[in-house]
Protein backbone atom coordinates (compact mmCIF):
# COMPACT_ATOMS: atom_id res chain seq x y z
CA MET A 1 0.00 0.00 0.00
CA LYS A 2 1.25 3.50 -0.89
CA VAL A 3 0.40 6.84 0.70
CA ALA A 4 -0.69 10.10 -0.93
CA VAL A 5 -0.68 13.25 1.23
CA ARG A 6 -3.25 15.96 0.62
CA TYR A 7 -2.74 19.44 2.06
CA GLY A 8 -4.18 22.26 0.00
CA ASP A 9 -1.78 24.86 1.41
CA ALA A 10 1.36 22.87 0.61
CA ARG A 11 3.85 24.81 -1.52
CA VAL A 12 6.74 23.33 -3.48
CA ASP A 13 9.66 25.51 -4.60
CA PRO A 14 11.37 25.28 -8.02
CA GLU A 15 13.92 22.82 -6.59
CA GLY A 16 11.13 20.44 -5.58
CA HIS A 17 11.11 20.99 -1.80
CA VAL A 18 8.04 21.52 0.38
CA THR A 19 8.52 25.05 1.72
CA GLY A 20 7.29 26.82 4.85
CA HIS A 21 7.91 26.65 8.60
CA ASP A 22 4.29 26.42 9.73
CA ALA A 23 3.03 23.24 11.37
CA GLY A 24 1.20 22.11 8.21
CA ALA A 25 4.28 22.25 5.99
CA THR A 26 6.38 20.59 8.70
CA LEU A 27 3.92 17.71 8.96
CA VAL A 28 3.78 17.24 5.18
CA ARG A 29 7.57 16.85 5.16
CA ARG A 30 7.35 14.38 8.04
CA LEU A 31 4.81 12.20 6.25
CA LEU A 32 6.83 12.24 3.04
CA ARG A 33 9.86 11.15 5.06
CA VAL A 34 8.02 8.39 6.91
CA PHE A 35 6.56 6.92 3.72
CA PRO A 36 9.44 7.05 1.18
CA ASP A 37 7.29 6.27 -1.87
CA ALA A 38 4.56 8.72 -0.84
CA LEU A 39 2.92 11.11 -3.29
CA LEU A 40 1.92 14.72 -2.70
CA ILE A 41 -1.44 15.68 -4.17
CA GLY A 42 -1.15 18.96 -6.04
CA PRO A 43 -2.30 20.92 -9.07
CA GLY A 44 -0.44 18.88 -11.68
CA PRO A 45 2.03 16.03 -12.28
CA ARG A 46 5.58 16.89 -11.25
CA THR A 47 8.75 15.13 -10.20
CA CYS A 48 10.08 16.69 -7.00
CA ASP A 49 13.05 16.07 -4.73
CA GLY A 50 12.37 12.62 -3.28
CA PHE A 51 8.66 12.45 -4.12
CA ASP A 52 6.21 12.91 -6.96
CA MET A 53 3.28 15.29 -7.13
CA ILE A 54 0.06 14.19 -8.83
CA PRO A 55 -3.48 15.58 -9.16
CA LEU A 56 -6.11 13.97 -6.98
CA GLU A 57 -7.80 12.46 -10.04
CA PHE A 58 -4.63 10.44 -10.80
CA VAL A 59 -4.60 8.59 -7.46
CA ASP A 60 -4.82 4.82 -7.90
CA THR A 61 -7.37 3.77 -5.30
CA GLU A 62 -6.40 0.11 -5.65
CA ASP A 63 -3.11 0.55 -3.82
CA THR A 64 -3.08 4.07 -2.34
CA VAL A 65 -4.29 5.57 0.93
CA VAL A 66 -4.99 9.31 0.87
CA ILE A 67 -3.97 10.94 4.16
CA THR A 68 -5.83 14.22 4.05
CA MET A 69 -4.95 17.15 6.29
CA ASP A 70 -7.91 19.07 4.83
CA VAL A 71 -10.43 17.13 6.85
CA LEU A 72 -13.48 19.24 6.00
CA ASP A 73 -12.93 18.35 2.33
CA SER A 74 -12.81 14.58 2.84
CA LEU A 75 -16.27 14.03 1.36
CA ALA A 76 -15.25 15.92 -1.79
CA VAL A 77 -12.08 13.82 -1.98
CA TRP A 78 -14.16 10.68 -1.68
CA GLN A 79 -16.54 11.82 -4.42
CA THR A 80 -13.68 12.58 -6.80
CA LEU A 81 -11.98 9.24 -6.19
CA HIS A 82 -15.26 7.29 -6.22
CA ALA A 83 -16.01 8.32 -9.81
CA GLY A 84 -16.41 5.26 -11.95
CA GLY A 85 -17.23 3.03 -8.99
CA ARG A 86 -13.78 3.05 -7.38
CA GLU A 87 -13.56 2.51 -3.61
CA PRO A 88 -11.32 5.18 -2.05
CA ARG A 89 -9.12 4.68 1.01
CA ILE A 90 -9.11 7.91 3.02
CA MET A 91 -7.58 8.73 6.40
CA ASN A 92 -8.17 12.06 8.13
CA PHE A 93 -5.29 13.75 9.93
CA VAL A 94 -6.58 16.39 12.37
CA TRP A 95 -3.49 18.40 13.27
CA TRP A 96 -5.20 21.68 14.19
CA ASN A 97 -7.49 22.97 16.92
CA THR A 98 -11.13 22.00 16.36
CA SER A 99 -12.28 25.25 17.99
CA GLN A 100 -11.44 27.04 14.74
CA CYS A 101 -14.53 25.39 13.22
CA THR A 102 -17.12 27.77 14.63
CA HIS A 103 -19.87 27.71 12.00
CA LEU A 104 -22.48 24.97 12.39
CA VAL A 105 -21.80 23.84 8.81
CA GLU A 106 -18.08 23.45 9.59
CA ARG A 107 -18.71 21.52 12.80
CA ALA A 108 -21.30 19.29 11.16
CA ALA A 109 -18.94 18.64 8.24
CA LEU A 110 -16.10 17.84 10.65
CA GLY A 111 -18.29 15.44 12.61
CA LEU A 112 -19.52 13.66 9.48
CA SER A 113 -16.03 13.43 8.00
CA CYS A 114 -14.55 11.93 11.18
CA ALA A 115 -17.46 9.50 11.51
CA LEU A 116 -17.12 8.24 7.93
CA PHE A 117 -13.32 7.99 7.63
CA PRO A 118 -10.66 6.73 10.07
CA THR A 119 -9.21 9.75 11.85
CA PHE A 120 -5.78 10.30 13.35
CA ALA A 121 -5.42 13.23 15.79
CA ASN A 122 -2.35 15.15 16.97
CA SER A 123 -3.07 14.81 20.71
CA ALA A 124 -5.37 13.20 23.24
CA ARG A 125 -7.11 16.55 23.68
CA THR A 126 -7.90 16.81 19.97
CA ALA A 127 -9.08 13.19 19.83
CA THR A 128 -11.49 13.82 22.72
CA GLU A 129 -12.87 16.91 20.99
CA ILE A 130 -13.38 14.94 17.77
CA ARG A 131 -15.30 12.22 19.57
CA GLU A 132 -17.56 14.83 21.14
CA ILE A 133 -18.20 16.50 17.79
CA VAL A 134 -18.94 13.17 16.11
CA GLU A 135 -21.41 12.22 18.83
CA GLN A 136 -23.09 15.63 18.73
CA TRP A 137 -23.34 16.12 14.98
CA THR A 138 -23.92 12.64 13.53
CA ILE A 139 -26.47 9.88 13.97
CA PRO A 140 -25.71 6.96 16.34
CA PRO A 141 -25.10 4.33 13.60
CA LEU A 142 -22.26 6.49 12.26
CA ALA A 143 -20.92 7.75 15.59
CA GLY A 144 -20.77 4.21 16.95
CA LYS A 145 -18.46 3.10 14.13
CA ALA A 146 -16.07 6.06 14.22
CA GLU A 147 -12.40 5.04 14.31
CA ILE A 148 -10.27 7.64 16.09
CA ALA A 149 -6.66 7.35 17.23
CA TRP A 150 -4.07 9.85 18.42
CA VAL A 151 -0.49 10.51 19.39
CA ASN A 152 1.44 13.64 20.38
CA LEU A 153 3.20 15.12 17.35
CA GLY A 154 6.60 15.38 19.01
CA ILE A 155 9.64 17.07 17.47
CA ARG A 156 12.80 16.01 15.64
CA LEU A 157 15.30 15.98 18.47
CA GLU A 158 18.30 15.82 16.11
CA HIS A 159 17.51 19.41 15.05
CA VAL A 160 18.24 20.80 18.52
CA GLN A 161 21.43 22.91 18.61
CA PRO A 162 23.77 23.69 21.52
CA ARG A 163 22.75 26.64 23.69
CA SER A 164 24.23 30.07 22.96
CA GLU A 165 23.23 32.39 25.78
CA PRO A 166 22.62 35.98 24.57
CA ALA A 167 24.17 39.01 26.26
CA VAL A 168 20.69 40.53 26.57
CA PRO A 169 17.85 38.07 27.36
CA VAL A 170 15.72 37.22 24.32
CA VAL A 171 11.94 36.79 24.69
CA LEU A 172 10.15 35.10 21.80
CA TYR A 173 6.65 35.66 20.51
CA PRO A 174 5.96 31.93 20.08
CA ALA A 175 3.76 31.96 16.98
CA ILE A 176 3.92 33.00 13.34
CA TYR A 177 0.44 34.57 13.34
CA VAL A 178 -1.12 37.34 15.40
CA SER A 179 -4.63 35.91 15.10
CA GLU A 180 -7.14 36.60 17.87
CA ARG A 181 -6.83 33.09 19.33
CA LYS A 182 -3.14 33.77 20.05
CA GLN A 183 -4.07 36.91 22.06
CA PRO A 184 -1.18 39.04 20.75
CA ARG A 185 -2.43 42.11 22.62
CA LEU A 186 -1.96 40.31 25.94
CA PHE A 187 1.57 39.39 24.87
CA LEU A 188 2.28 43.00 23.96
CA ASP A 189 0.85 44.38 27.19
CA VAL A 190 2.95 42.04 29.32
CA VAL A 191 6.28 42.43 27.49
CA GLU A 192 5.92 46.22 27.45
CA ARG A 193 5.61 46.20 31.23
CA VAL A 194 8.50 43.76 31.61
CA ALA A 195 10.70 45.95 29.38
CA ARG A 196 10.17 48.84 31.80
CA ARG A 197 11.56 46.70 34.62
CA THR A 198 14.57 45.00 33.02
CA PRO A 199 16.59 44.96 29.78
CA LEU A 200 15.41 42.47 27.19
CA ARG A 201 15.02 41.91 23.47
CA VAL A 202 11.73 40.65 22.04
CA GLU A 203 11.76 38.77 18.75
CA ALA A 204 8.76 37.93 16.57
CA ARG A 205 9.12 35.98 13.33
CA LEU A 206 5.83 36.25 11.50
CA HIS A 207 4.19 34.92 8.38
CA GLU A 208 4.37 37.56 5.67
CA SER A 209 0.60 38.04 5.77
CA HIS A 210 0.83 39.22 9.40
CA LEU A 211 3.91 41.44 9.21
CA ILE A 212 1.83 44.55 8.55
CA SER A 213 -0.82 43.82 11.18
CA GLU A 214 -1.61 46.38 13.85
CA GLU A 215 -0.02 44.22 16.55
CA ALA A 216 3.17 43.67 14.55
CA MET A 217 3.50 47.40 13.89
CA ARG A 218 2.94 48.21 17.57
CA LEU A 219 5.66 45.79 18.65
CA SER A 220 8.13 46.94 16.00
CA ARG A 221 8.00 50.54 17.26
CA HIS A 222 10.00 49.64 20.38
CA ASP A 223 13.78 49.90 20.26
CA TRP A 224 14.04 46.65 22.25
CA SER A 225 12.04 44.58 19.76
CA TRP A 226 12.62 42.98 16.38
CA VAL A 227 9.79 41.94 14.07
CA GLY A 228 10.61 40.21 10.81
CA PRO A 229 9.84 37.37 8.42
CA LEU A 230 10.22 33.68 9.11
CA THR A 231 13.72 32.23 9.07
CA ALA A 232 15.02 31.09 5.70
CA SER A 233 15.68 27.49 6.79
CA ARG A 234 14.98 25.03 9.57
CA GLU A 235 18.64 25.28 10.60
CA ASP A 236 18.29 29.04 11.03
CA TYR A 237 15.08 28.47 12.99
CA TRP A 238 16.78 26.13 15.46
CA HIS A 239 19.82 28.43 15.68
CA ALA A 240 17.50 31.25 16.77
CA LEU A 241 15.80 29.02 19.35
CA ALA A 242 19.19 28.07 20.82
CA ARG A 243 19.72 31.72 21.84
CA THR A 244 16.15 32.32 23.10
CA THR A 245 15.89 32.86 26.85
CA ALA A 246 12.13 32.63 27.35
CA PHE A 247 8.77 32.88 25.63
CA LEU A 248 5.33 34.00 26.71
CA ALA A 249 2.42 31.86 25.51
CA THR A 250 -0.92 33.67 25.44
CA ALA A 251 -3.15 31.48 23.24
CA THR A 252 -6.64 30.65 24.45
CA GLU A 253 -6.56 27.21 22.81
CA GLU A 254 -4.00 24.91 21.21
CA SER A 255 -4.48 21.43 19.85
CA TYR A 256 -0.93 20.42 20.78
CA GLY A 257 1.63 23.23 20.87
CA LEU A 258 4.47 22.22 18.55
CA GLU A 259 6.22 25.62 18.63
CA TYR A 260 6.24 25.68 22.44
CA VAL A 261 7.72 22.19 22.75
CA GLU A 262 10.44 23.02 20.22
CA ALA A 263 11.38 26.18 22.11
CA MET A 264 11.49 24.39 25.49
CA VAL A 265 13.63 21.54 24.16
CA ALA A 266 15.97 24.22 22.79
CA GLY A 267 16.31 25.57 26.34
CA ALA A 268 13.82 28.46 26.45
CA ILE A 269 11.75 28.93 29.61
CA GLY A 270 8.06 28.81 28.80
CA ILE A 271 5.54 31.05 30.57
CA PHE A 272 2.09 29.54 29.98
CA PRO A 273 -1.53 30.37 30.80
CA ASP A 274 -3.04 28.04 33.36
CA ALA A 275 -5.11 26.22 30.75
CA ALA A 276 -5.88 22.60 29.98
CA TRP A 277 -4.01 22.68 26.66
CA ALA A 278 -0.83 23.88 28.38
CA ARG A 279 -1.03 21.38 31.24
CA ALA A 280 -1.37 18.58 28.67
CA ILE A 281 2.20 19.09 27.43
CA LEU A 282 3.87 19.92 30.76
CA PRO A 283 4.79 18.13 34.01
CA THR A 284 2.08 18.18 36.66
CA ALA A 285 4.02 20.53 38.96
CA TYR A 286 5.15 22.95 36.23
CA PRO A 287 5.92 26.22 38.06
CA PHE A 288 5.31 28.87 35.37
CA LEU A 289 1.56 28.85 34.80
CA TYR A 290 -0.18 32.21 35.18
CA ARG A 291 -3.80 33.15 35.81
CA THR A 292 -3.50 36.93 35.44
CA ALA A 293 -1.45 39.33 33.33
CA LYS A 294 0.38 40.47 36.48
CA GLU A 295 1.41 36.88 37.26
CA ALA A 296 2.63 36.49 33.65
CA GLU A 297 4.67 39.70 34.01
CA ASP A 298 6.30 38.60 37.26
CA MET A 299 7.10 35.13 35.91
CA LEU A 300 8.64 36.56 32.75
CA VAL A 301 10.76 38.99 34.77
CA ARG A 302 12.07 36.04 36.78
CA ALA A 303 12.76 34.04 33.61
CA VAL A 304 14.99 36.76 32.16
CA THR A 305 16.67 37.90 35.39
CA GLU A 306 16.96 34.62 37.33
CA THR A 307 17.29 32.27 34.37
CA ARG A 308 19.51 29.68 36.04
CA ALA A 309 17.27 29.45 39.10
CA CYS A 310 14.20 29.06 36.89
CA ARG A 311 15.84 26.22 34.96
CA ASP A 312 16.63 24.52 38.27
CA GLU A 313 12.94 24.77 39.18
CA LEU A 314 12.03 23.12 35.88
CA ASP A 315 14.39 20.22 36.65
CA ARG A 316 12.83 19.81 40.09
CA CYS A 317 9.28 19.74 38.68
CA ALA A 318 10.38 16.93 36.34
CA HIS A 319 12.06 15.06 39.25
CA GLY A 320 15.43 15.18 37.54
CA SER A 321 15.91 16.65 34.09
CA PHE A 322 13.22 18.79 32.46
CA ASP A 323 14.99 18.41 29.12
CA GLY A 324 14.96 14.63 29.55
CA TRP A 325 11.26 14.70 30.46
CA LEU A 326 10.45 16.63 27.28
CA ARG A 327 12.57 14.41 25.08
CA GLU A 328 10.96 11.25 26.42
CA ARG A 329 7.39 12.46 25.84
CA HIS A 330 7.74 14.60 22.71
CA ASP A 331 10.04 12.59 20.43
CA ASP A 332 8.71 12.42 16.88
CA ASP A 333 9.84 8.78 16.62
CA THR A 334 6.73 8.00 18.66
CA PHE A 335 4.56 9.94 16.22
CA GLU A 336 6.08 8.25 13.19
CA ASN A 337 5.66 4.75 14.61
CA ALA A 338 2.07 5.51 15.62
CA VAL A 339 1.01 6.87 12.24
CA VAL A 340 2.52 3.82 10.51
CA ASP A 341 0.71 1.51 12.92
CA ARG A 342 -2.62 3.25 12.28
CA VAL A 343 -2.31 3.19 8.51
CA THR A 344 -1.38 -0.50 8.67
CA ALA A 345 -4.23 -1.38 11.05
CA TRP A 346 -6.84 0.50 9.03
CA PHE A 347 -5.69 -0.18 5.46
CA GLY A 348 -2.95 -2.81 5.36
CA PRO A 349 0.89 -2.90 5.24
CA VAL A 350 2.68 0.17 3.88
CA THR A 351 6.25 0.88 2.82
CA VAL A 352 8.11 2.86 5.49
CA SER A 353 11.56 4.42 5.67
CA ASP A 354 14.57 2.60 7.13
CA GLU A 355 14.77 5.35 9.76
CA VAL A 356 11.26 4.53 11.00
CA ARG A 357 12.00 0.81 11.04
CA ALA A 358 15.14 1.41 13.11
CA ALA A 359 13.23 3.61 15.57
CA ALA A 360 10.53 0.94 15.94
CA ARG A 361 13.17 -1.63 16.93
CA ARG A 362 14.68 0.59 19.65
């Protein structure tokens, strides 16, 4: 069995590489790496670097599973592939927060899609939300047959670079968008107050569509801040994380929190809202969870002025090594093995990379 990955926002550069640093592009690259003969569904046939791109209509349903990251479109994918009486194999991959589906049509479509097609979620929290939506928006005969599995996304630990402590503490805006769900105004309010109390440098690397937003312009006016485009490469991204002192998370909801985990594994101290999504990726006794903006301010001041002491607290909350705790629970080997197991269980054996096989044996 082969795999074809469908993600409508995937972009391939002239050299044949999937571009972008957002979670969607990162996950497309992961899937293409896990399944070495995988296809990327796109606008037209094309030979790329290590994979081929084909239109959806060219997918051979006899020996190909379509892993779709555009879950609301799964019914349309099925209809296209079912033309001529073919029987499609479709697997949903819900890698985003279900709260973004606010319209009743979107939630009903999500529920129906996840009831009809096996669904793989990026965290236990997301899987629970999917089950609730399926039960609420579909009839019992469909809801009772829904197949839903999950695993934490994890990160590629080999990308982590040695720490390089900056002369002036660096605070990261830990997102590439300034959408309302990320609460950028709260971030701005807190870091402005912290900057009055102690020297720091705030860095925000934003998607080009958000560089001219009101929030980005407000932050860029400060002489202690830098606002710019996303890094040119993953290596540059990890190099920047290796010199990041702390970050302030302000999102109301997250399905997993890939950017936060990457920053923490790189050595940054995370200041989080006291929310269920944050507790899901952290040790039970994590010390830097705030309930008010004032608590966030005080915690961030400590992170940039008493950095060593804060890192010691993180080790104590993990009963040893906080870095080791993160690496054990957020290694993408676990994700890769789980997605292979689910595809195999739902559709039959698939070809996987030697790297995944080796990880499965460890």
